[in-house]
Structure formats: C-alpha cells, structure tokens
C-alpha atoms as a PDB file:
ATOM      1  CA  UNK A   1     130.882 -52.205  22.758  1.00  0.00           C
ATOM      2  CA  UNK A   2     133.256 -49.542  21.520  1.00  0.00           C
ATOM      3  CA  UNK A   3     132.781 -46.063  22.978  1.00  0.00           C
ATOM      4  CA  UNK A   4     133.961 -42.555  22.425  1.00  0.00           C
ATOM      5  CA  UNK A   5     133.430 -41.705  26.080  1.00  0.00           C
ATOM      6  CA  UNK A   6     136.402 -42.150  28.455  1.00  0.00           C
ATOM      7  CA  UNK A   7     136.359 -45.314  30.552  1.00  0.00           C
ATOM      8  CA  UNK A   8     137.254 -45.476  34.219  1.00  0.00           C
ATOM      9  CA  UNK A   9     137.866 -48.646  36.239  1.00  0.00           C
ATOM     10  CA  UNK A  10     137.415 -48.192  40.005  1.00  0.00           C
ATOM     11  CA  UNK A  11     138.394 -50.964  42.404  1.00  0.00           C
ATOM     12  CA  UNK A  12     136.544 -51.416  45.675  1.00  0.00           C
ATOM     13  CA  UNK A  13     133.540 -49.452  44.345  1.00  0.00           C
ATOM     14  CA  UNK A  14     130.739 -51.035  46.332  1.00  0.00           C
ATOM     15  CA  UNK A  15     130.885 -48.603  49.289  1.00  0.00           C
ATOM     16  CA  UNK A  16     132.611 -45.605  50.809  1.00  0.00           C
ATOM     17  CA  UNK A  17     135.144 -43.655  48.755  1.00  0.00           C
ATOM     18  CA  UNK A  18     134.974 -46.128  45.861  1.00  0.00           C
ATOM     19  CA  UNK A  19     131.197 -45.852  45.563  1.00  0.00           C
ATOM     20  CA  UNK A  20     131.212 -42.036  45.643  1.00  0.00           C
ATOM     21  CA  UNK A  21     134.101 -41.943  43.180  1.00  0.00           C
ATOM     22  CA  UNK A  22     132.235 -44.197  40.718  1.00  0.00           C
ATOM     23  CA  UNK A  23     129.162 -41.955  40.862  1.00  0.00           C
ATOM     24  CA  UNK A  24     131.211 -38.766  40.534  1.00  0.00           C
ATOM     25  CA  UNK A  25     133.009 -40.113  37.486  1.00  0.00           C
ATOM     26  CA  UNK A  26     129.683 -41.014  35.885  1.00  0.00           C
ATOM     27  CA  UNK A  27     128.553 -37.430  36.499  1.00  0.00           C
ATOM     28  CA  UNK A  28     131.796 -36.249  34.903  1.00  0.00           C
ATOM     29  CA  UNK A  29     130.978 -38.102  31.678  1.00  0.00           C
ATOM     30  CA  UNK A  30     132.848 -41.380  32.073  1.00  0.00           C
ATOM     31  CA  UNK A  31     131.750 -44.918  31.381  1.00  0.00           C
ATOM     32  CA  UNK A  32     132.502 -46.413  34.789  1.00  0.00           C
ATOM     33  CA  UNK A  33     133.266 -50.026  35.682  1.00  0.00           C
ATOM     34  CA  UNK A  34     133.322 -50.671  39.470  1.00  0.00           C
ATOM     35  CA  UNK A  35     134.665 -53.794  41.072  1.00  0.00           C
ATOM     36  CA  UNK A  36     133.855 -55.744  44.228  1.00  0.00           C
ATOM     37  CA  UNK A  37     135.027 -59.070  45.610  1.00  0.00           C
ATOM     38  CA  UNK A  38     131.361 -60.159  45.917  1.00  0.00           C
ATOM     39  CA  UNK A  39     129.107 -58.588  43.293  1.00  0.00           C
ATOM     40  CA  UNK A  40     126.091 -60.509  44.627  1.00  0.00           C
ATOM     41  CA  UNK A  41     126.042 -58.116  47.597  1.00  0.00           C
ATOM     42  CA  UNK A  42     126.452 -54.898  45.579  1.00  0.00           C
ATOM     43  CA  UNK A  43     123.653 -52.372  45.418  1.00  0.00           C
ATOM     44  CA  UNK A  44     123.332 -51.293  41.743  1.00  0.00           C
ATOM     45  CA  UNK A  45     124.545 -47.796  40.933  1.00  0.00           C
ATOM     46  CA  UNK A  46     123.155 -45.756  38.011  1.00  0.00           C
ATOM     47  CA  UNK A  47     125.646 -45.722  35.172  1.00  0.00           C
ATOM     48  CA  UNK A  48     128.114 -48.134  36.832  1.00  0.00           C
ATOM     49  CA  UNK A  49     128.861 -51.616  35.537  1.00  0.00           C
ATOM     50  CA  UNK A  50     130.097 -53.997  38.254  1.00  0.00           C
ATOM     51  CA  UNK A  51     132.659 -56.774  37.845  1.00  0.00           C
ATOM     52  CA  UNK A  52     133.949 -59.268  40.368  1.00  0.00           C
ATOM     53  CA  UNK A  53     137.592 -58.720  41.282  1.00  0.00           C
ATOM     54  CA  UNK A  54     139.954 -59.867  43.976  1.00  0.00           C
ATOM     55  CA  UNK A  55     143.055 -57.689  43.646  1.00  0.00           C
ATOM     56  CA  UNK A  56     145.133 -60.256  45.608  1.00  0.00           C
ATOM     57  CA  UNK A  57     144.747 -62.826  42.789  1.00  0.00           C
ATOM     58  CA  UNK A  58     146.776 -62.385  39.598  1.00  0.00           C
ATOM     59  CA  UNK A  59     144.240 -64.187  37.358  1.00  0.00           C
ATOM     60  CA  UNK A  60     141.345 -62.087  38.739  1.00  0.00           C
ATOM     61  CA  UNK A  61     143.139 -58.839  37.992  1.00  0.00           C
ATOM     62  CA  UNK A  62     144.007 -59.975  34.492  1.00  0.00           C
ATOM     63  CA  UNK A  63     140.464 -61.148  33.748  1.00  0.00           C
ATOM     64  CA  UNK A  64     138.829 -57.929  34.983  1.00  0.00           C
ATOM     65  CA  UNK A  65     141.071 -55.654  32.918  1.00  0.00           C
ATOM     66  CA  UNK A  66     140.701 -57.840  29.862  1.00  0.00           C
ATOM     67  CA  UNK A  67     136.908 -57.748  30.198  1.00  0.00           C
ATOM     68  CA  UNK A  68     136.878 -53.948  30.399  1.00  0.00           C
ATOM     69  CA  UNK A  69     139.124 -53.643  27.389  1.00  0.00           C
ATOM     70  CA  UNK A  70     137.023 -56.064  25.267  1.00  0.00           C
ATOM     71  CA  UNK A  71     133.727 -54.534  26.348  1.00  0.00           C
ATOM     72  CA  UNK A  72     134.612 -50.829  25.861  1.00  0.00           C
ATOM     73  CA  UNK A  73     137.717 -50.904  23.689  1.00  0.00           C
ATOM     74  CA  UNK A  74     139.647 -48.604  25.945  1.00  0.00           C
ATOM     75  CA  UNK A  75     140.741 -47.902  29.561  1.00  0.00           C
ATOM     76  CA  UNK A  76     141.440 -44.273  30.307  1.00  0.00           C
ATOM     77  CA  UNK A  77     141.539 -44.147  34.109  1.00  0.00           C
ATOM     78  CA  UNK A  78     142.342 -46.734  36.747  1.00  0.00           C
ATOM     79  CA  UNK A  79     141.461 -45.799  40.301  1.00  0.00           C
ATOM     80  CA  UNK A  80     143.149 -48.163  42.797  1.00  0.00           C
ATOM     81  CA  UNK A  81     140.841 -47.699  45.727  1.00  0.00           C
ATOM     82  CA  UNK A  82     140.505 -51.243  47.125  1.00  0.00           C
ATOM     83  CA  UNK A  83     142.227 -51.424  50.489  1.00  0.00           C
ATOM     84  CA  UNK A  84     142.131 -52.820  54.014  1.00  0.00           C
ATOM     85  CA  UNK A  85     143.237 -51.512  57.403  1.00  0.00           C
ATOM     86  CA  UNK A  86     144.735 -52.888  60.560  1.00  0.00           C
ATOM     87  CA  UNK A  87     144.804 -51.580  64.107  1.00  0.00           C
ATOM     88  CA  UNK A  88     147.094 -52.416  66.967  1.00  0.00           C
ATOM     89  CA  UNK A  89     150.678 -51.959  68.071  1.00  0.00           C
ATOM     90  CA  UNK A  90     153.431 -52.991  65.665  1.00  0.00           C
ATOM     91  CA  UNK A  91     154.535 -55.791  67.997  1.00  0.00           C
ATOM     92  CA  UNK A  92     150.973 -57.075  68.150  1.00  0.00           C
ATOM     93  CA  UNK A  93     150.783 -57.320  64.362  1.00  0.00           C
ATOM     94  CA  UNK A  94     152.012 -60.682  63.001  1.00  0.00           C
ATOM     95  CA  UNK A  95     154.103 -60.841  59.881  1.00  0.00           C
ATOM     96  CA  UNK A  96     151.345 -62.901  58.266  1.00  0.00           C
ATOM     97  CA  UNK A  97     148.786 -60.194  59.029  1.00  0.00           C
ATOM     98  CA  UNK A  98     151.053 -57.495  57.640  1.00  0.00           C
ATOM     99  CA  UNK A  99     151.692 -59.650  54.536  1.00  0.00           C
ATOM    100  CA  UNK A 100     147.937 -59.977  53.962  1.00  0.00           C
ATOM    101  CA  UNK A 101     147.510 -56.227  54.302  1.00  0.00           C
ATOM    102  CA  UNK A 102     150.334 -55.512  51.852  1.00  0.00           C
ATOM    103  CA  UNK A 103     148.930 -58.064  49.416  1.00  0.00           C
ATOM    104  CA  UNK A 104     145.816 -55.861  49.019  1.00  0.00           C
ATOM    105  CA  UNK A 105     147.140 -52.345  49.646  1.00  0.00           C
ATOM    106  CA  UNK A 106     150.429 -52.577  47.782  1.00  0.00           C
ATOM    107  CA  UNK A 107     150.711 -55.684  45.634  1.00  0.00           C
ATOM    108  CA  UNK A 108     147.056 -55.373  44.608  1.00  0.00           C
ATOM    109  CA  UNK A 109     147.850 -51.965  43.215  1.00  0.00           C
ATOM    110  CA  UNK A 110     150.866 -53.345  41.403  1.00  0.00           C
ATOM    111  CA  UNK A 111     148.848 -56.144  39.895  1.00  0.00           C
ATOM    112  CA  UNK A 112     146.241 -53.742  38.530  1.00  0.00           C
ATOM    113  CA  UNK A 113     148.877 -51.351  37.192  1.00  0.00           C
ATOM    114  CA  UNK A 114     150.739 -54.109  35.409  1.00  0.00           C
ATOM    115  CA  UNK A 115     147.487 -55.226  33.749  1.00  0.00           C
ATOM    116  CA  UNK A 116     146.335 -51.785  32.592  1.00  0.00           C
ATOM    117  CA  UNK A 117     149.645 -50.314  31.438  1.00  0.00           C
ATOM    118  CA  UNK A 118     149.912 -52.254  28.158  1.00  0.00           C
ATOM    119  CA  UNK A 119     146.473 -50.907  27.177  1.00  0.00           C
ATOM    120  CA  UNK A 120     147.322 -47.355  28.215  1.00  0.00           C
ATOM    121  CA  UNK A 121     150.724 -47.399  26.461  1.00  0.00           C
ATOM    122  CA  UNK A 122     149.065 -48.641  23.295  1.00  0.00           C
ATOM    123  CA  UNK A 123     146.576 -45.764  23.482  1.00  0.00           C
ATOM    124  CA  UNK A 124     149.309 -43.289  24.352  1.00  0.00           C
ATOM    125  CA  UNK A 125     147.151 -41.949  27.137  1.00  0.00           C
ATOM    126  CA  UNK A 126     145.866 -42.868  30.585  1.00  0.00           C
ATOM    127  CA  UNK A 127     145.691 -41.906  34.262  1.00  0.00           C
ATOM    128  CA  UNK A 128     146.563 -44.276  37.128  1.00  0.00           C
ATOM    129  CA  UNK A 129     145.173 -42.869  40.364  1.00  0.00           C
ATOM    130  CA  UNK A 130     146.355 -44.556  43.535  1.00  0.00           C
ATOM    131  CA  UNK A 131     144.565 -43.876  46.828  1.00  0.00           C
ATOM    132  CA  UNK A 132     147.136 -43.222  49.516  1.00  0.00           C
ATOM    133  CA  UNK A 133     146.411 -41.412  52.761  1.00  0.00           C
ATOM    134  CA  UNK A 134     147.840 -38.721  54.998  1.00  0.00           C
ATOM    135  CA  UNK A 135     149.404 -41.799  56.597  1.00  0.00           C
ATOM    136  CA  UNK A 136     151.480 -41.996  53.446  1.00  0.00           C
ATOM    137  CA  UNK A 137     153.521 -39.120  54.843  1.00  0.00           C
ATOM    138  CA  UNK A 138     152.616 -39.084  58.569  1.00  0.00           C
ATOM    139  CA  UNK A 139     153.301 -41.674  61.269  1.00  0.00           C
ATOM    140  CA  UNK A 140     150.360 -43.162  63.121  1.00  0.00           C
ATOM    141  CA  UNK A 141     150.976 -45.048  66.359  1.00  0.00           C
ATOM    142  CA  UNK A 142     149.030 -48.308  66.574  1.00  0.00           C
ATOM    143  CA  UNK A 143     148.630 -48.403  62.794  1.00  0.00           C
ATOM    144  CA  UNK A 144     152.227 -49.023  61.779  1.00  0.00           C
ATOM    145  CA  UNK A 145     151.607 -51.704  59.145  1.00  0.00           C
ATOM    146  CA  UNK A 146     148.868 -49.690  57.477  1.00  0.00           C
ATOM    147  CA  UNK A 147     150.998 -46.546  57.485  1.00  0.00           C
ATOM    148  CA  UNK A 148     153.884 -48.581  55.991  1.00  0.00           C
ATOM    149  CA  UNK A 149     151.639 -49.781  53.198  1.00  0.00           C
ATOM    150  CA  UNK A 150     150.638 -46.200  52.322  1.00  0.00           C
ATOM    151  CA  UNK A 151     154.213 -44.957  52.534  1.00  0.00           C
ATOM    152  CA  UNK A 152     155.027 -47.744  50.032  1.00  0.00           C
ATOM    153  CA  UNK A 153     152.237 -46.561  47.688  1.00  0.00           C
ATOM    154  CA  UNK A 154     153.638 -43.022  47.733  1.00  0.00           C
ATOM    155  CA  UNK A 155     157.153 -44.156  46.716  1.00  0.00           C
ATOM    156  CA  UNK A 156     155.845 -46.607  44.157  1.00  0.00           C
ATOM    157  CA  UNK A 157     153.532 -44.088  42.491  1.00  0.00           C
ATOM    158  CA  UNK A 158     155.999 -41.285  42.271  1.00  0.00           C
ATOM    159  CA  UNK A 159     158.603 -43.595  40.739  1.00  0.00           C
ATOM    160  CA  UNK A 160     156.040 -45.061  38.310  1.00  0.00           C
ATOM    161  CA  UNK A 161     154.975 -41.650  37.211  1.00  0.00           C
ATOM    162  CA  UNK A 162     158.468 -40.808  35.962  1.00  0.00           C
ATOM    163  CA  UNK A 163     158.569 -44.101  34.021  1.00  0.00           C
ATOM    164  CA  UNK A 164     155.270 -43.806  32.183  1.00  0.00           C
ATOM    165  CA  UNK A 165     155.107 -40.119  31.334  1.00  0.00           C
ATOM    166  CA  UNK A 166     156.946 -40.668  28.071  1.00  0.00           C
ATOM    167  CA  UNK A 167     154.137 -43.000  27.011  1.00  0.00           C
ATOM    168  CA  UNK A 168     151.332 -40.498  27.625  1.00  0.00           C
ATOM    169  CA  UNK A 169     150.346 -41.975  31.020  1.00  0.00           C
ATOM    170  CA  UNK A 170     150.422 -40.335  34.436  1.00  0.00           C
ATOM    171  CA  UNK A 171     150.450 -42.006  37.862  1.00  0.00           C
ATOM    172  CA  UNK A 172     148.954 -39.785  40.532  1.00  0.00           C
ATOM    173  CA  UNK A 173     148.424 -39.919  44.337  1.00  0.00           C
ATOM    174  CA  UNK A 174     145.276 -39.042  46.317  1.00  0.00           C
ATOM    175  CA  UNK A 175     145.808 -38.332  50.029  1.00  0.00           C
ATOM    176  CA  UNK A 176     142.606 -38.388  52.097  1.00  0.00           C
ATOM    177  CA  UNK A 177     142.546 -37.614  55.761  1.00  0.00           C
ATOM    178  CA  UNK A 178     140.034 -39.229  58.155  1.00  0.00           C
ATOM    179  CA  UNK A 179     136.914 -40.028  56.095  1.00  0.00           C
ATOM    180  CA  UNK A 180     133.448 -41.095  57.244  1.00  0.00           C
ATOM    181  CA  UNK A 181     133.474 -44.643  56.007  1.00  0.00           C
ATOM    182  CA  UNK A 182     133.505 -48.074  57.721  1.00  0.00           C
ATOM    183  CA  UNK A 183     137.295 -48.151  57.598  1.00  0.00           C
ATOM    184  CA  UNK A 184     138.028 -48.039  61.360  1.00  0.00           C
ATOM    185  CA  UNK A 185     135.265 -50.487  62.292  1.00  0.00           C
ATOM    186  CA  UNK A 186     136.283 -52.939  59.574  1.00  0.00           C
ATOM    187  CA  UNK A 187     140.039 -52.794  60.235  1.00  0.00           C
ATOM    188  CA  UNK A 188     141.704 -55.978  61.445  1.00  0.00           C
ATOM    189  CA  UNK A 189     142.478 -56.146  65.162  1.00  0.00           C
ATOM    190  CA  UNK A 190     145.714 -57.426  66.763  1.00  0.00           C
ATOM    191  CA  UNK A 191     146.461 -61.086  66.296  1.00  0.00           C
ATOM    192  CA  UNK A 192     148.110 -61.298  69.669  1.00  0.00           C
ATOM    193  CA  UNK A 193     147.017 -58.499  72.016  1.00  0.00           C
ATOM    194  CA  UNK A 194     149.707 -57.665  74.545  1.00  0.00           C
ATOM    195  CA  UNK A 195     148.983 -56.295  78.005  1.00  0.00           C
ATOM    196  CA  UNK A 196     151.853 -53.839  77.729  1.00  0.00           C
ATOM    197  CA  UNK A 197     149.994 -51.950  74.960  1.00  0.00           C
ATOM    198  CA  UNK A 198     146.371 -52.490  76.026  1.00  0.00           C
ATOM    199  CA  UNK A 199     145.651 -49.207  77.766  1.00  0.00           C
ATOM    200  CA  UNK A 200     147.207 -46.956  75.136  1.00  0.00           C
ATOM    201  CA  UNK A 201     145.796 -49.016  72.275  1.00  0.00           C
ATOM    202  CA  UNK A 202     142.299 -48.461  73.625  1.00  0.00           C
ATOM    203  CA  UNK A 203     142.943 -44.726  73.895  1.00  0.00           C
ATOM    204  CA  UNK A 204     144.184 -44.523  70.293  1.00  0.00           C
ATOM    205  CA  UNK A 205     141.259 -46.667  69.112  1.00  0.00           C
ATOM    206  CA  UNK A 206     138.876 -44.087  70.664  1.00  0.00           C
ATOM    207  CA  UNK A 207     140.810 -41.195  69.149  1.00  0.00           C
ATOM    208  CA  UNK A 208     140.665 -42.816  65.723  1.00  0.00           C
ATOM    209  CA  UNK A 209     136.927 -43.654  65.996  1.00  0.00           C
ATOM    210  CA  UNK A 210     136.137 -40.036  66.903  1.00  0.00           C
ATOM    211  CA  UNK A 211     138.364 -38.755  64.088  1.00  0.00           C
ATOM    212  CA  UNK A 212     136.521 -40.896  61.581  1.00  0.00           C
ATOM    213  CA  UNK A 213     133.091 -39.854  62.870  1.00  0.00           C
ATOM    214  CA  UNK A 214     134.130 -36.173  62.464  1.00  0.00           C
ATOM    215  CA  UNK A 215     136.032 -36.776  59.217  1.00  0.00           C
ATOM    216  CA  UNK A 216     135.386 -35.689  55.689  1.00  0.00           C
ATOM    217  CA  UNK A 217     132.515 -37.096  53.600  1.00  0.00           C
ATOM    218  CA  UNK A 218     133.655 -39.610  51.041  1.00  0.00           C
ATOM    219  CA  UNK A 219     132.399 -37.276  48.333  1.00  0.00           C
ATOM    220  CA  UNK A 220     135.257 -34.851  49.129  1.00  0.00           C
ATOM    221  CA  UNK A 221     137.747 -37.538  48.242  1.00  0.00           C
ATOM    222  CA  UNK A 222     135.786 -38.376  45.114  1.00  0.00           C
ATOM    223  CA  UNK A 223     136.034 -34.781  43.959  1.00  0.00           C
ATOM    224  CA  UNK A 224     139.834 -34.916  44.287  1.00  0.00           C
ATOM    225  CA  UNK A 225     139.870 -38.109  42.258  1.00  0.00           C
ATOM    226  CA  UNK A 226     137.747 -36.605  39.491  1.00  0.00           C
ATOM    227  CA  UNK A 227     140.133 -33.638  39.398  1.00  0.00           C
ATOM    228  CA  UNK A 228     143.112 -36.000  39.031  1.00  0.00           C
ATOM    229  CA  UNK A 229     141.271 -37.852  36.256  1.00  0.00           C
ATOM    230  CA  UNK A 230     140.326 -34.732  34.288  1.00  0.00           C
ATOM    231  CA  UNK A 231     142.814 -31.923  34.973  1.00  0.00           C
ATOM    232  CA  UNK A 232     144.617 -30.990  31.713  1.00  0.00           C
ATOM    233  CA  UNK A 233     147.860 -30.692  33.654  1.00  0.00           C
ATOM    234  CA  UNK A 234     147.496 -33.027  36.677  1.00  0.00           C
ATOM    235  CA  UNK A 235     149.394 -32.562  39.895  1.00  0.00           C
ATOM    236  CA  UNK A 236     151.505 -35.471  41.109  1.00  0.00           C
ATOM    237  CA  UNK A 237     149.466 -35.607  44.312  1.00  0.00           C
ATOM    238  CA  UNK A 238     146.100 -34.304  45.534  1.00  0.00           C
ATOM    239  CA  UNK A 239     145.312 -33.809  49.212  1.00  0.00           C
ATOM    240  CA  UNK A 240     141.612 -34.434  49.678  1.00  0.00           C
ATOM    241  CA  UNK A 241     139.955 -31.919  51.976  1.00  0.00           C
ATOM    242  CA  UNK A 242     141.208 -29.136  54.295  1.00  0.00           C
ATOM    243  CA  UNK A 243     142.413 -31.476  57.052  1.00  0.00           C
ATOM    244  CA  UNK A 244     144.688 -33.358  54.629  1.00  0.00           C
ATOM    245  CA  UNK A 245     145.994 -30.042  53.338  1.00  0.00           C
ATOM    246  CA  UNK A 246     146.849 -28.858  56.817  1.00  0.00           C
ATOM    247  CA  UNK A 247     148.546 -32.202  57.582  1.00  0.00           C
ATOM    248  CA  UNK A 248     150.746 -31.885  54.516  1.00  0.00           C
ATOM    249  CA  UNK A 249     151.768 -28.344  55.483  1.00  0.00           C
ATOM    250  CA  UNK A 250     152.548 -29.428  59.057  1.00  0.00           C
ATOM    251  CA  UNK A 251     154.759 -32.250  57.840  1.00  0.00           C
ATOM    252  CA  UNK A 252     156.590 -30.027  55.392  1.00  0.00           C
ATOM    253  CA  UNK A 253     157.105 -26.940  57.567  1.00  0.00           C
ATOM    254  CA  UNK A 254     157.049 -27.849  61.251  1.00  0.00           C
ATOM    255  CA  UNK A 255     160.392 -28.405  62.992  1.00  0.00           C
ATOM    256  CA  UNK A 256     161.003 -32.067  63.868  1.00  0.00           C
ATOM    257  CA  UNK A 257     160.552 -31.604  67.581  1.00  0.00           C
ATOM    258  CA  UNK A 258     157.269 -29.663  67.091  1.00  0.00           C
ATOM    259  CA  UNK A 259     155.964 -32.257  64.683  1.00  0.00           C
ATOM    260  CA  UNK A 260     156.851 -35.159  67.020  1.00  0.00           C
ATOM    261  CA  UNK A 261     155.139 -33.426  69.931  1.00  0.00           C
ATOM    262  CA  UNK A 262     152.032 -32.859  67.842  1.00  0.00           C
ATOM    263  CA  UNK A 263     151.754 -36.487  66.867  1.00  0.00           C
ATOM    264  CA  UNK A 264     152.015 -37.594  70.468  1.00  0.00           C
ATOM    265  CA  UNK A 265     149.484 -35.046  71.640  1.00  0.00           C
ATOM    266  CA  UNK A 266     146.967 -36.029  68.944  1.00  0.00           C
ATOM    267  CA  UNK A 267     147.175 -39.616  70.020  1.00  0.00           C
ATOM    268  CA  UNK A 268     147.204 -38.849  73.771  1.00  0.00           C
ATOM    269  CA  UNK A 269     150.644 -40.378  74.252  1.00  0.00           C
ATOM    270  CA  UNK A 270     152.702 -39.444  77.266  1.00  0.00           C
ATOM    271  CA  UNK A 271     155.880 -37.387  77.055  1.00  0.00           C
END
C-alpha cells in the first residue's frame, strides 16, 4: 500500500508516552505504525497499525522495518521510545542487569537506526527521534545505570545527527522530565540489595514515586515529539514540559557547588 501521507514508526507504543505519541502523530496527519513486544495484549488505537517488535533482537528490528517499508513504501519518522528502567544503588546493580538495560535503551535504538537509515537516505529525507530524559544531562542517585543509558543516547544522537544531515535526515533528542506513566513501578529492582544503601534507597524510591505521580502527562511529551517530527527547521533537542526546561537551565547556568547541593537536597541526601 503506497501512500502520499508521511509514515511514522513508534516503538513501545502500547502505553504511556508511546501510546500518546502514536495518537498525536495520527492527529497530525501521519500513517502510524506502533510496535509492542506482545501485540496480543495491545488495545487497538484508531489509526495505528501495530506490529510485534523486540528491539533487543536484530532479526526482529530488521523484519519490522522491512514490513513498514513494503506496506507503505516509505518511512519518514522513527520514534525510538521503547525503554526500560532500573532502580537501586550502582553497587547493587549487577553488570548483567546493566547490560540488559543497555540492550534495550541504547543498543535497541542503534538497531532501529541502522535498519531505517538506508530507507531514509534513499528517500533523501527522514527524522530519527530518540527519547532521552532529563537524566541524559542530570545525575540521579540510585538510578545510575539508567542515567548512564540516557547520557549515552544523548552523545550517540548528537553525533549521528552530524553524520546524516548531508543525506536529508535529522537525528533529534526529546528530554522528558518525570512523566505520569508506569515507569517507576515497572523499573527493575536491585539484584543484590545491600544493607548499606537500604535506608537511603527507600527514601529515594519514595521521592521518585511522588515525582512521577506529580509529573507531566504523557501527552506533553507527545506534543514535543510531534514538533520534532514536523518543524520545518527542527531543534537538535526538545525539552518536554516546563520542569524539563527548568532542569536544563539549572544544569547550564548553576555553579557546580550549587548544582551539586540541589541534587542532594532533591533526593534527601545528607551533606
């Protein structure tokens, strides 16, 4: 089925930010393909075609992109939204747990990018939109592995953008703050919980849970993604919502000692 309408592929579109993004792109005039690891559990969304996809598997990424290309004849936007979280002190996080997280949050993005780029280069157009986080430029105690994965996405996307611009393609970053999704509740817990960190970990867990409850609606992030997909002259990065914007300004302008003190106060850390 060839189409004159732009086509967007959104990973992790069954809930949360991905679901709202898929619906917002439909409203913006896109043919939208959403993905989920288990399509049998997906609630149908008006205007969204769902495909099964596991971004940690090379063959699955290749098959999904090929199916979209064959079905629609084009891929204009890739939104790399699929991701996982982890909570706990860095010392409590096993290397295997961190490797699994990176396989989704970082290498999953790379797999999808490598599959869509040949199509986008052939078209001489395309937008790759990678979902980072304010933790792509801020530290977060007791979420070190997750923050590291988002820092990696920031460096990867900025570097990629310089490589692909000559081919009519842009790679862009979305930086949400705390968002009202199931992220915190669904994040992996420490493999080996250590008594030395137990009290402070519980405090930070409560701080994070409250921040998520009071966070932005997923639709705010979706609006930023639609802007990145449609702006005639896109910005390299989009902070999603006022909290993310304030966090970016704090990181850029605050003296190091003030910034350090603020992070510790936010997380109720001593000293």
